[in-house]
Structures are given as C-alpha cells and as structure tokens.
Amino acid sequence: MPEPTMSDDYFFSPYADSWWNDDSKMNPLRSFNPERFAYFDRFLDDWKGQRVLDVGCGGGYTTEFLHQRGSRVCGVDPSAKLVAAATRHADDTDRDISYTVGKAEELPYPDRSFDVVTCVDVLEHVESPALAVREIHRVLDDGGIFLYDTINRTLRSRIMMIWLPERVLGIVPRGAHDHRDFITPDEMLGHLGAAGFVPLGRMAGISIRGQRKDGSLRLKPTRDLSSLYLGAARRLEGRG
C-alpha cells in the first residue's frame, strides 16, 4: 500500500511539541481513559498480548495506556507531527509501540491485522465516519472487537462538548469540534450495521463535571447518551 500523504493543518498538530509536557494543554484529555476503559473492559477479559490498533492516536495518550495493559499496540493518526511526538515519547520511555501516519478512512494495514481497534474522540472529526467504520471492520480479525466513543448531536452536546471545554475550561482548541459533525447513536448503529458489525451490550455516556486544580477533569459515567457516549461491536466471522 503506498505511503499516505498528509497535511499538518490538523487542529491538534500545533500541540505536538508540548504534548507530553507536564503543563501541556492536552493533559486533561488523559482523564478520559480510566472512565473509557472501565466501560471497555466489560467486553474484553484480558488485554495482554492482544493486537490492538488505536485509530486517531494523536500524541499517544490512549496508545500508551493500552501498552501499559500489555497489548501489542499500534497507533495511526493523520498528523505527521503528532505521530512524530508519539514515536519520540515511546522511544524515550522504552515502549515498543509502532506509529504510522494514516487516515481512518484509509488505514495503512492489511486485512484482519488486529484483534481489537480503539477509536476515541475521532469519528466526529473524520471526513466520512461510515468509511472509517468500514476500514476498521476490514483490519479487524474475525471475532475482533471495535471499541469507540463519539459525540451525540444534541443541544446538550453543544454545551458540554463545545462551549464548556473550548470556551470555558480551555482544554480543547477553539474550533476543534463542529456540532454538525457529531453522530447520533442511531447513525452510529447504522454505520456499524452497514460495515458488518454486531453491537455489543448497551451504549453508555460520560459526563464532564468540571476540572480539578491539577488540570484533570472530573468525569462521571452515566446512562445518558445525549453528549459523549461509548460503544462496542464485534466483527462477525467470515464477513468481508
């Protein structure tokens, strides 16, 4: 597969050089992983040895979180600057993680390469969520698990995911989210079904309740899907 060519006007790219600094503006994003994986863990008994792809890995927060759990993990992101930052941090901390520049809609991996794909805070940013989900299905092995979060298109999400983090807390760059790009749960289920996935369990939500003095976010799991929500799906054997 030819090496993809990416531009670096991606809105998180300017934070690449400071991504792993103690005072990085991106640090609050790490707060989501414990809550995300408290939900994701119910669909996977053991992460150790699993071949995992983190789609839209950015500077590597979730990718390194997966590595700490013993996964054989790869990360892919459209920003060459963020991939470089992630690779540099992995090398500096002696973590065996493979990072690649690539788009979610055109993943640079062979069919059936992974046991698990994670895709967090990504689908609401891609050009085609439907195509991204199909590509994730392609690179998953038979019976593989797709774990994701994304943002519902509601008035509440406009407040909680744009106004609060971008304009009040300042933990996300202004303009990072466009309410028109948010994905309703019904739309997400449609993308999953069209790609050949079977949803697992019940979707769940995460609510932002504020920010602590150390910069971390106060989060609460919820059944409310009106803002940030999480889900899981399985690739059926012999499909695609």
Protein backbone atom coordinates (compact mmCIF):
# COMPACT_ATOMS: atom_id res chain seq x y z
CA MET A 1 0.00 0.00 0.00
CA PRO A 2 1.50 3.41 -0.90
CA GLU A 3 2.61 5.72 1.89
CA PRO A 4 -0.22 8.25 2.51
CA THR A 5 0.48 11.94 2.14
CA MET A 6 -0.98 14.07 4.92
CA SER A 7 -1.19 17.79 5.54
CA ASP A 8 -0.41 19.08 9.01
CA ASP A 9 -3.14 21.67 9.38
CA TYR A 10 -4.92 19.21 11.70
CA PHE A 11 -6.12 21.26 14.67
CA PHE A 12 -4.18 19.32 17.34
CA SER A 13 -0.89 19.42 15.40
CA PRO A 14 0.30 22.74 16.93
CA TYR A 15 0.38 20.98 20.32
CA ALA A 16 2.66 18.16 19.14
CA ASP A 17 5.91 19.52 20.56
CA SER A 18 4.38 20.10 24.01
CA TRP A 19 2.05 17.06 24.03
CA TRP A 20 3.85 15.20 26.80
CA ASN A 21 4.93 18.23 28.84
CA ASP A 22 3.64 18.44 32.39
CA ASP A 23 1.94 21.75 31.55
CA SER A 24 0.57 20.63 28.17
CA LYS A 25 -2.88 21.98 27.29
CA MET A 26 -3.69 18.45 26.13
CA ASN A 27 -3.10 16.85 29.54
CA PRO A 28 -6.78 16.96 30.58
CA LEU A 29 -7.55 14.55 27.73
CA ARG A 30 -5.78 11.81 29.70
CA SER A 31 -8.59 11.98 32.26
CA PHE A 32 -10.95 10.16 29.91
CA ASN A 33 -9.01 6.89 29.66
CA PRO A 34 -9.81 5.44 33.11
CA GLU A 35 -13.53 6.10 32.54
CA ARG A 36 -13.46 4.84 28.96
CA PHE A 37 -11.75 1.61 29.85
CA ALA A 38 -13.93 0.99 32.88
CA TYR A 39 -16.63 0.60 30.20
CA PHE A 40 -14.47 -1.10 27.53
CA ASP A 41 -13.13 -3.72 29.94
CA ARG A 42 -16.50 -5.42 30.17
CA PHE A 43 -16.08 -6.55 26.55
CA LEU A 44 -12.51 -7.88 26.84
CA ASP A 45 -11.33 -10.21 29.60
CA ASP A 46 -7.61 -9.63 29.13
CA TRP A 47 -5.69 -7.01 27.14
CA LYS A 48 -2.35 -8.78 27.48
CA GLY A 49 -0.97 -9.92 24.12
CA GLN A 50 -3.91 -8.56 22.14
CA ARG A 51 -3.06 -6.99 18.77
CA VAL A 52 -4.59 -3.53 19.20
CA LEU A 53 -4.83 -0.58 16.81
CA ASP A 54 -5.54 2.88 18.21
CA VAL A 55 -7.13 4.90 15.37
CA GLY A 56 -6.59 8.66 15.65
CA CYS A 57 -3.91 8.19 18.30
CA GLY A 58 -2.77 11.82 18.42
CA GLY A 59 0.35 12.13 20.54
CA GLY A 60 -0.19 8.72 22.10
CA TYR A 61 -2.16 9.05 25.35
CA THR A 62 -4.51 6.13 24.71
CA THR A 63 -1.89 4.14 22.82
CA GLU A 64 0.45 4.19 25.80
CA PHE A 65 -2.46 3.42 28.13
CA LEU A 66 -3.05 0.27 26.04
CA HIS A 67 0.64 -0.62 26.07
CA GLN A 68 0.64 -0.42 29.88
CA ARG A 69 -2.04 -3.11 29.85
CA GLY A 70 0.23 -5.48 27.94
CA SER A 71 -1.24 -5.08 24.47
CA ARG A 72 0.83 -5.28 21.29
CA VAL A 73 -0.32 -1.88 20.15
CA CYS A 74 -0.04 0.26 17.02
CA GLY A 75 -1.20 3.85 16.61
CA VAL A 76 -2.25 5.69 13.46
CA ASP A 77 -3.00 9.40 13.02
CA PRO A 78 -3.32 11.83 10.07
CA SER A 79 -0.87 14.29 11.63
CA ALA A 80 2.79 13.56 10.94
CA LYS A 81 3.73 15.96 13.75
CA LEU A 82 1.64 14.09 16.30
CA VAL A 83 2.93 10.72 15.10
CA ALA A 84 6.48 12.05 15.50
CA ALA A 85 5.70 13.25 19.03
CA ALA A 86 4.14 9.91 19.95
CA THR A 87 7.08 7.97 18.50
CA ARG A 88 9.60 10.16 20.29
CA HIS A 89 7.89 9.69 23.66
CA ALA A 90 7.62 5.92 23.16
CA ASP A 91 11.32 5.73 22.30
CA ASP A 92 12.30 7.94 25.24
CA THR A 93 10.34 5.75 27.66
CA ASP A 94 11.37 2.44 26.09
CA ARG A 95 7.90 1.43 24.93
CA ASP A 96 7.57 -0.90 21.94
CA ILE A 97 4.80 0.89 20.03
CA SER A 98 4.54 1.20 16.25
CA TYR A 99 3.14 4.51 14.99
CA THR A 100 2.10 5.27 11.41
CA VAL A 101 0.73 8.31 9.56
CA GLY A 102 -2.64 7.50 8.03
CA LYS A 103 -6.34 8.37 7.83
CA ALA A 104 -9.15 6.44 9.47
CA GLU A 105 -10.84 6.17 6.07
CA GLU A 106 -7.76 4.55 4.51
CA LEU A 107 -5.93 2.57 7.16
CA PRO A 108 -2.42 1.52 6.08
CA TYR A 109 -2.73 -2.06 7.35
CA PRO A 110 -3.60 -5.41 5.75
CA ASP A 111 -6.97 -7.12 6.22
CA ARG A 112 -7.55 -8.89 9.55
CA SER A 113 -4.42 -7.44 11.21
CA PHE A 114 -5.84 -6.75 14.69
CA ASP A 115 -7.85 -8.34 17.49
CA VAL A 116 -9.10 -5.00 18.86
CA VAL A 117 -9.47 -1.50 17.42
CA THR A 118 -9.99 1.53 19.64
CA CYS A 119 -11.22 4.81 18.16
CA VAL A 120 -11.79 7.51 20.78
CA ASP A 121 -12.52 11.20 20.20
CA VAL A 122 -12.06 10.63 16.47
CA LEU A 123 -15.19 9.73 14.49
CA GLU A 124 -16.68 13.22 14.91
CA HIS A 125 -13.55 14.63 13.22
CA VAL A 126 -13.18 12.40 10.16
CA GLU A 127 -14.46 13.21 6.67
CA SER A 128 -16.53 10.01 6.45
CA PRO A 129 -17.47 8.14 9.63
CA ALA A 130 -19.15 5.42 7.56
CA LEU A 131 -15.97 4.75 5.58
CA ALA A 132 -13.84 4.87 8.73
CA VAL A 133 -16.03 2.21 10.36
CA ARG A 134 -15.78 0.04 7.23
CA GLU A 135 -12.00 0.34 7.29
CA ILE A 136 -11.91 -0.60 10.95
CA HIS A 137 -14.01 -3.65 10.13
CA ARG A 138 -11.56 -4.57 7.35
CA VAL A 139 -8.47 -4.53 9.58
CA LEU A 140 -10.12 -6.48 12.41
CA ASP A 141 -9.75 -10.24 12.51
CA ASP A 142 -12.81 -12.50 12.67
CA GLY A 143 -14.49 -12.02 16.03
CA GLY A 144 -12.48 -8.84 16.66
CA ILE A 145 -13.77 -6.07 18.93
CA PHE A 146 -14.30 -2.42 17.97
CA LEU A 147 -14.37 0.00 20.92
CA TYR A 148 -15.27 3.63 20.34
CA ASP A 149 -16.57 6.85 21.74
CA THR A 150 -18.04 9.80 19.89
CA ILE A 151 -20.41 12.71 20.48
CA ASN A 152 -24.17 12.88 20.02
CA ARG A 153 -25.66 15.74 18.02
CA THR A 154 -27.85 17.46 20.61
CA LEU A 155 -28.20 20.83 22.31
CA ARG A 156 -26.61 19.33 25.43
CA SER A 157 -23.55 18.21 23.46
CA ARG A 158 -23.17 21.69 22.00
CA ILE A 159 -22.92 22.99 25.58
CA MET A 160 -20.93 20.16 27.15
CA MET A 161 -18.51 19.37 24.31
CA ILE A 162 -18.03 22.75 22.63
CA TRP A 163 -19.00 25.66 24.89
CA LEU A 164 -17.64 24.17 28.14
CA PRO A 165 -14.31 22.57 27.05
CA GLU A 166 -13.46 25.06 24.28
CA ARG A 167 -14.73 28.36 25.67
CA VAL A 168 -14.87 27.95 29.46
CA LEU A 169 -12.26 25.37 30.51
CA GLY A 170 -9.98 25.92 27.53
CA ILE A 171 -8.92 22.25 27.43
CA VAL A 172 -9.71 21.85 23.72
CA PRO A 173 -8.64 24.26 20.94
CA ARG A 174 -11.45 26.54 19.77
CA GLY A 175 -12.93 25.21 16.58
CA ALA A 176 -11.84 21.63 17.26
CA HIS A 177 -15.46 20.44 17.21
CA ASP A 178 -18.24 21.21 14.78
CA HIS A 179 -21.71 20.38 16.06
CA ARG A 180 -22.78 19.39 12.54
CA ASP A 181 -20.20 16.59 12.55
CA PHE A 182 -21.49 14.94 15.71
CA ILE A 183 -23.05 11.49 15.29
CA THR A 184 -26.32 10.32 16.83
CA PRO A 185 -26.45 6.81 18.32
CA ASP A 186 -28.89 5.74 15.61
CA GLU A 187 -26.50 6.98 12.92
CA MET A 188 -23.64 5.13 14.62
CA LEU A 189 -25.65 1.91 14.73
CA GLY A 190 -26.36 2.39 11.03
CA HIS A 191 -22.63 2.71 10.26
CA LEU A 192 -21.89 -0.41 12.31
CA GLY A 193 -24.58 -2.49 10.65
CA ALA A 194 -23.61 -1.41 7.15
CA ALA A 195 -19.98 -2.38 7.81
CA GLY A 196 -20.88 -5.83 9.15
CA PHE A 197 -20.55 -5.25 12.90
CA VAL A 198 -22.85 -6.57 15.61
CA PRO A 199 -23.24 -4.13 18.54
CA LEU A 200 -22.33 -5.44 21.98
CA GLY A 201 -24.06 -4.52 25.21
CA ARG A 202 -25.60 -1.17 25.91
CA MET A 203 -24.04 2.17 24.99
CA ALA A 204 -23.02 4.37 27.92
CA GLY A 205 -22.17 8.03 28.46
CA ILE A 206 -19.52 10.12 30.18
CA SER A 207 -20.37 13.49 31.68
CA ILE A 208 -17.82 16.27 32.29
CA ARG A 209 -18.43 17.73 35.76
CA GLY A 210 -15.59 20.26 35.91
CA GLN A 211 -11.83 20.49 36.29
CA ARG A 212 -9.59 19.91 39.31
CA LYS A 213 -6.76 22.20 40.39
CA ASP A 214 -4.19 19.82 38.86
CA GLY A 215 -5.89 20.20 35.47
CA SER A 216 -7.52 16.77 35.39
CA LEU A 217 -11.21 16.53 34.60
CA ARG A 218 -13.97 15.46 36.94
CA LEU A 219 -15.93 12.87 34.99
CA LYS A 220 -18.93 10.72 35.78
CA PRO A 221 -20.22 7.61 33.99
CA THR A 222 -23.87 7.87 33.02
CA ARG A 223 -26.56 6.14 31.02
CA ASP A 224 -27.32 9.48 29.36
CA LEU A 225 -26.22 9.35 25.70
CA SER A 226 -27.02 12.99 24.91
CA SER A 227 -23.37 14.09 24.90
CA LEU A 228 -20.24 11.88 24.87
CA TYR A 229 -21.13 8.21 24.51
CA LEU A 230 -19.27 4.92 24.23
CA GLY A 231 -20.00 1.65 22.50
CA ALA A 232 -18.61 -1.69 21.41
CA ALA A 233 -19.18 -4.02 18.47
CA ARG A 234 -17.89 -7.34 17.18
CA ARG A 235 -16.79 -8.32 13.68
CA LEU A 236 -18.66 -11.44 12.68
CA GLU A 237 -16.61 -14.38 11.50
CA GLY A 238 -16.41 -14.78 7.75
CA ARG A 239 -17.82 -11.32 6.94
CA GLY A 240 -15.88 -9.21 4.42
